[in-house]
Amino acid sequence: MEAWAQNFPQAPTLAMHVPEPEVGSSPVTQSNILLSIYGNKESVDETLVDNIREPANDDGALDAFVSIARGSPGPNPVQLMPSIYIPVLVLWGNEDPFTPLDGPVGEYFSSPPS
């Protein structure tokens, strides 16, 4: 691994952070979760909550969610960089709560090594 990549954090494992899902959690709970994620709080309305809740009622949806949330996070972005040989446009939200632009991943993509 290159020296610059040594300081790049490994992708977090969600399994440590994802609590057992609440079966039948309320629209109010889901709205509060969305409010903590969305930068534009006005976007979180009844329609958005309903659109997100609807697929959760499908058979097997809970198992699928748990499998995704507790599964492997995939490769570290640094591991993928050497295989990219074409220009890539990276768009980033200024208020991204999960991977903030001023965090290590954002700083890396703001000025990647040449």
C-alpha atoms as a PDB file:
ATOM      1  CA  MET A   1       0.000   0.000   0.000  1.00  0.00           C
ATOM      2  CA  GLU A   2       1.292   3.465  -0.861  1.00  0.00           C
ATOM      3  CA  ALA A   3       2.398   5.768   1.977  1.00  0.00           C
ATOM      4  CA  TRP A   4      -0.456   8.240   1.423  1.00  0.00           C
ATOM      5  CA  ALA A   5      -2.977   5.412   1.809  1.00  0.00           C
ATOM      6  CA  GLN A   6      -1.677   4.426   5.237  1.00  0.00           C
ATOM      7  CA  ASN A   7      -3.513   7.411   6.787  1.00  0.00           C
ATOM      8  CA  PHE A   8      -6.768   6.704   4.966  1.00  0.00           C
ATOM      9  CA  PRO A   9      -9.334   5.200   7.349  1.00  0.00           C
ATOM     10  CA  GLN A  10     -10.662   1.754   6.668  1.00  0.00           C
ATOM     11  CA  ALA A  11     -14.355   1.629   5.788  1.00  0.00           C
ATOM     12  CA  PRO A  12     -16.402   1.312   8.979  1.00  0.00           C
ATOM     13  CA  THR A  13     -18.177  -1.933   9.670  1.00  0.00           C
ATOM     14  CA  LEU A  14     -21.837  -1.134  10.087  1.00  0.00           C
ATOM     15  CA  ALA A  15     -22.413  -4.340  12.011  1.00  0.00           C
ATOM     16  CA  MET A  16     -21.005  -2.660  15.099  1.00  0.00           C
ATOM     17  CA  HIS A  17     -23.317   0.332  14.782  1.00  0.00           C
ATOM     18  CA  VAL A  18     -26.628  -1.018  13.531  1.00  0.00           C
ATOM     19  CA  PRO A  19     -29.052  -1.900  16.321  1.00  0.00           C
ATOM     20  CA  GLU A  20     -31.612  -4.634  15.912  1.00  0.00           C
ATOM     21  CA  PRO A  21     -34.357  -3.037  13.767  1.00  0.00           C
ATOM     22  CA  GLU A  22     -37.631  -2.101  15.368  1.00  0.00           C
ATOM     23  CA  VAL A  23     -40.387  -4.021  13.651  1.00  0.00           C
ATOM     24  CA  GLY A  24     -43.211  -1.646  12.858  1.00  0.00           C
ATOM     25  CA  SER A  25     -41.417   1.550  13.845  1.00  0.00           C
ATOM     26  CA  SER A  26     -43.682   4.551  13.543  1.00  0.00           C
ATOM     27  CA  PRO A  27     -43.713   7.225  10.841  1.00  0.00           C
ATOM     28  CA  VAL A  28     -42.691   9.734  13.533  1.00  0.00           C
ATOM     29  CA  THR A  29     -39.586   7.678  14.368  1.00  0.00           C
ATOM     30  CA  GLN A  30     -38.712   7.317  10.695  1.00  0.00           C
ATOM     31  CA  SER A  31     -39.271  11.020  10.127  1.00  0.00           C
ATOM     32  CA  ASN A  32     -36.872  11.823  12.983  1.00  0.00           C
ATOM     33  CA  ILE A  33     -34.247   9.509  11.488  1.00  0.00           C
ATOM     34  CA  LEU A  34     -34.620  11.188   8.095  1.00  0.00           C
ATOM     35  CA  LEU A  35     -34.362  14.616   9.701  1.00  0.00           C
ATOM     36  CA  SER A  36     -30.988  13.598  11.126  1.00  0.00           C
ATOM     37  CA  ILE A  37     -29.793  12.586   7.632  1.00  0.00           C
ATOM     38  CA  TYR A  38     -31.242  15.199   5.276  1.00  0.00           C
ATOM     39  CA  GLY A  39     -29.457  18.534   5.039  1.00  0.00           C
ATOM     40  CA  ASN A  40     -32.638  20.161   3.727  1.00  0.00           C
ATOM     41  CA  LYS A  41     -35.072  19.439   6.566  1.00  0.00           C
ATOM     42  CA  GLU A  42     -37.980  20.767   4.469  1.00  0.00           C
ATOM     43  CA  SER A  43     -37.554  17.746   2.166  1.00  0.00           C
ATOM     44  CA  VAL A  44     -38.667  15.421   4.958  1.00  0.00           C
ATOM     45  CA  ASP A  45     -42.424  15.309   4.636  1.00  0.00           C
ATOM     46  CA  GLU A  46     -45.213  12.742   4.858  1.00  0.00           C
ATOM     47  CA  THR A  47     -44.796  11.762   1.188  1.00  0.00           C
ATOM     48  CA  LEU A  48     -41.092  10.985   1.624  1.00  0.00           C
ATOM     49  CA  VAL A  49     -41.737   8.930   4.763  1.00  0.00           C
ATOM     50  CA  ASP A  50     -44.548   7.021   3.022  1.00  0.00           C
ATOM     51  CA  ASN A  51     -42.349   6.359  -0.051  1.00  0.00           C
ATOM     52  CA  ILE A  52     -39.653   4.911   2.174  1.00  0.00           C
ATOM     53  CA  ARG A  53     -42.056   2.928   4.369  1.00  0.00           C
ATOM     54  CA  GLU A  54     -43.971   1.298   1.508  1.00  0.00           C
ATOM     55  CA  PRO A  55     -41.221  -1.103   0.274  1.00  0.00           C
ATOM     56  CA  ALA A  56     -40.487  -2.035   3.896  1.00  0.00           C
ATOM     57  CA  ASN A  57     -43.854  -3.801   3.988  1.00  0.00           C
ATOM     58  CA  ASP A  58     -42.820  -6.290   1.272  1.00  0.00           C
ATOM     59  CA  ASP A  59     -42.169  -9.885   2.294  1.00  0.00           C
ATOM     60  CA  GLY A  60     -38.491 -10.338   3.111  1.00  0.00           C
ATOM     61  CA  ALA A  61     -37.779  -6.599   3.395  1.00  0.00           C
ATOM     62  CA  LEU A  62     -36.622  -6.808   7.008  1.00  0.00           C
ATOM     63  CA  ASP A  63     -34.241  -9.663   6.235  1.00  0.00           C
ATOM     64  CA  ALA A  64     -32.864  -7.766   3.236  1.00  0.00           C
ATOM     65  CA  PHE A  65     -32.273  -4.614   5.288  1.00  0.00           C
ATOM     66  CA  VAL A  66     -30.540  -6.499   8.093  1.00  0.00           C
ATOM     67  CA  SER A  67     -28.362  -8.348   5.568  1.00  0.00           C
ATOM     68  CA  ILE A  68     -27.275  -5.086   3.930  1.00  0.00           C
ATOM     69  CA  ALA A  69     -26.788  -3.148   7.165  1.00  0.00           C
ATOM     70  CA  ARG A  70     -24.833  -5.880   8.905  1.00  0.00           C
ATOM     71  CA  GLY A  71     -22.886  -7.069   5.878  1.00  0.00           C
ATOM     72  CA  SER A  72     -19.424  -6.198   4.653  1.00  0.00           C
ATOM     73  CA  PRO A  73     -18.905  -2.509   3.844  1.00  0.00           C
ATOM     74  CA  GLY A  74     -16.946  -3.491   0.739  1.00  0.00           C
ATOM     75  CA  PRO A  75     -13.460  -2.435  -0.298  1.00  0.00           C
ATOM     76  CA  ASN A  76     -11.787   0.674   1.024  1.00  0.00           C
ATOM     77  CA  PRO A  77     -11.887   3.413  -1.663  1.00  0.00           C
ATOM     78  CA  VAL A  78      -8.096   3.591  -1.563  1.00  0.00           C
ATOM     79  CA  GLN A  79      -7.945  -0.013  -2.731  1.00  0.00           C
ATOM     80  CA  LEU A  80     -10.023   0.904  -5.783  1.00  0.00           C
ATOM     81  CA  MET A  81      -8.130   4.053  -6.817  1.00  0.00           C
ATOM     82  CA  PRO A  82      -5.253   2.338  -8.666  1.00  0.00           C
ATOM     83  CA  SER A  83      -7.750   0.667 -11.005  1.00  0.00           C
ATOM     84  CA  ILE A  84      -9.304   3.971 -12.141  1.00  0.00           C
ATOM     85  CA  TYR A  85      -7.619   5.322 -15.271  1.00  0.00           C
ATOM     86  CA  ILE A  86     -10.223   7.764 -16.572  1.00  0.00           C
ATOM     87  CA  PRO A  87     -11.361  11.140 -15.202  1.00  0.00           C
ATOM     88  CA  VAL A  88     -14.060  10.890 -12.535  1.00  0.00           C
ATOM     89  CA  LEU A  89     -16.354  13.672 -11.396  1.00  0.00           C
ATOM     90  CA  VAL A  90     -16.974  13.403  -7.656  1.00  0.00           C
ATOM     91  CA  LEU A  91     -19.941  15.399  -6.389  1.00  0.00           C
ATOM     92  CA  TRP A  92     -20.168  15.862  -2.647  1.00  0.00           C
ATOM     93  CA  GLY A  93     -22.816  17.338  -0.386  1.00  0.00           C
ATOM     94  CA  ASN A  94     -21.488  20.101   1.856  1.00  0.00           C
ATOM     95  CA  GLU A  95     -23.647  18.797   4.685  1.00  0.00           C
ATOM     96  CA  ASP A  96     -23.061  15.046   4.249  1.00  0.00           C
ATOM     97  CA  PRO A  97     -23.496  13.678   7.801  1.00  0.00           C
ATOM     98  CA  PHE A  98     -21.875  10.299   7.108  1.00  0.00           C
ATOM     99  CA  THR A  99     -18.808  11.200   5.076  1.00  0.00           C
ATOM    100  CA  PRO A 100     -18.241  14.924   5.678  1.00  0.00           C
ATOM    101  CA  LEU A 101     -16.204  16.857   3.161  1.00  0.00           C
ATOM    102  CA  ASP A 102     -13.797  17.967   5.906  1.00  0.00           C
ATOM    103  CA  GLY A 103     -13.235  14.374   7.037  1.00  0.00           C
ATOM    104  CA  PRO A 104     -10.390  12.158   5.815  1.00  0.00           C
ATOM    105  CA  VAL A 105     -12.276  10.731   2.835  1.00  0.00           C
ATOM    106  CA  GLY A 106     -13.471  14.164   1.705  1.00  0.00           C
ATOM    107  CA  GLU A 107     -10.016  15.645   2.125  1.00  0.00           C
ATOM    108  CA  TYR A 108      -8.523  12.819   0.084  1.00  0.00           C
ATOM    109  CA  PHE A 109     -10.929  13.359  -2.811  1.00  0.00           C
ATOM    110  CA  SER A 110     -10.512  17.148  -2.622  1.00  0.00           C
ATOM    111  CA  SER A 111      -6.854  16.783  -3.574  1.00  0.00           C
ATOM    112  CA  PRO A 112      -5.969  13.155  -4.415  1.00  0.00           C
ATOM    113  CA  PRO A 113      -2.329  12.281  -4.973  1.00  0.00           C
ATOM    114  CA  SER A 114      -1.183  12.356  -8.569  1.00  0.00           C
END
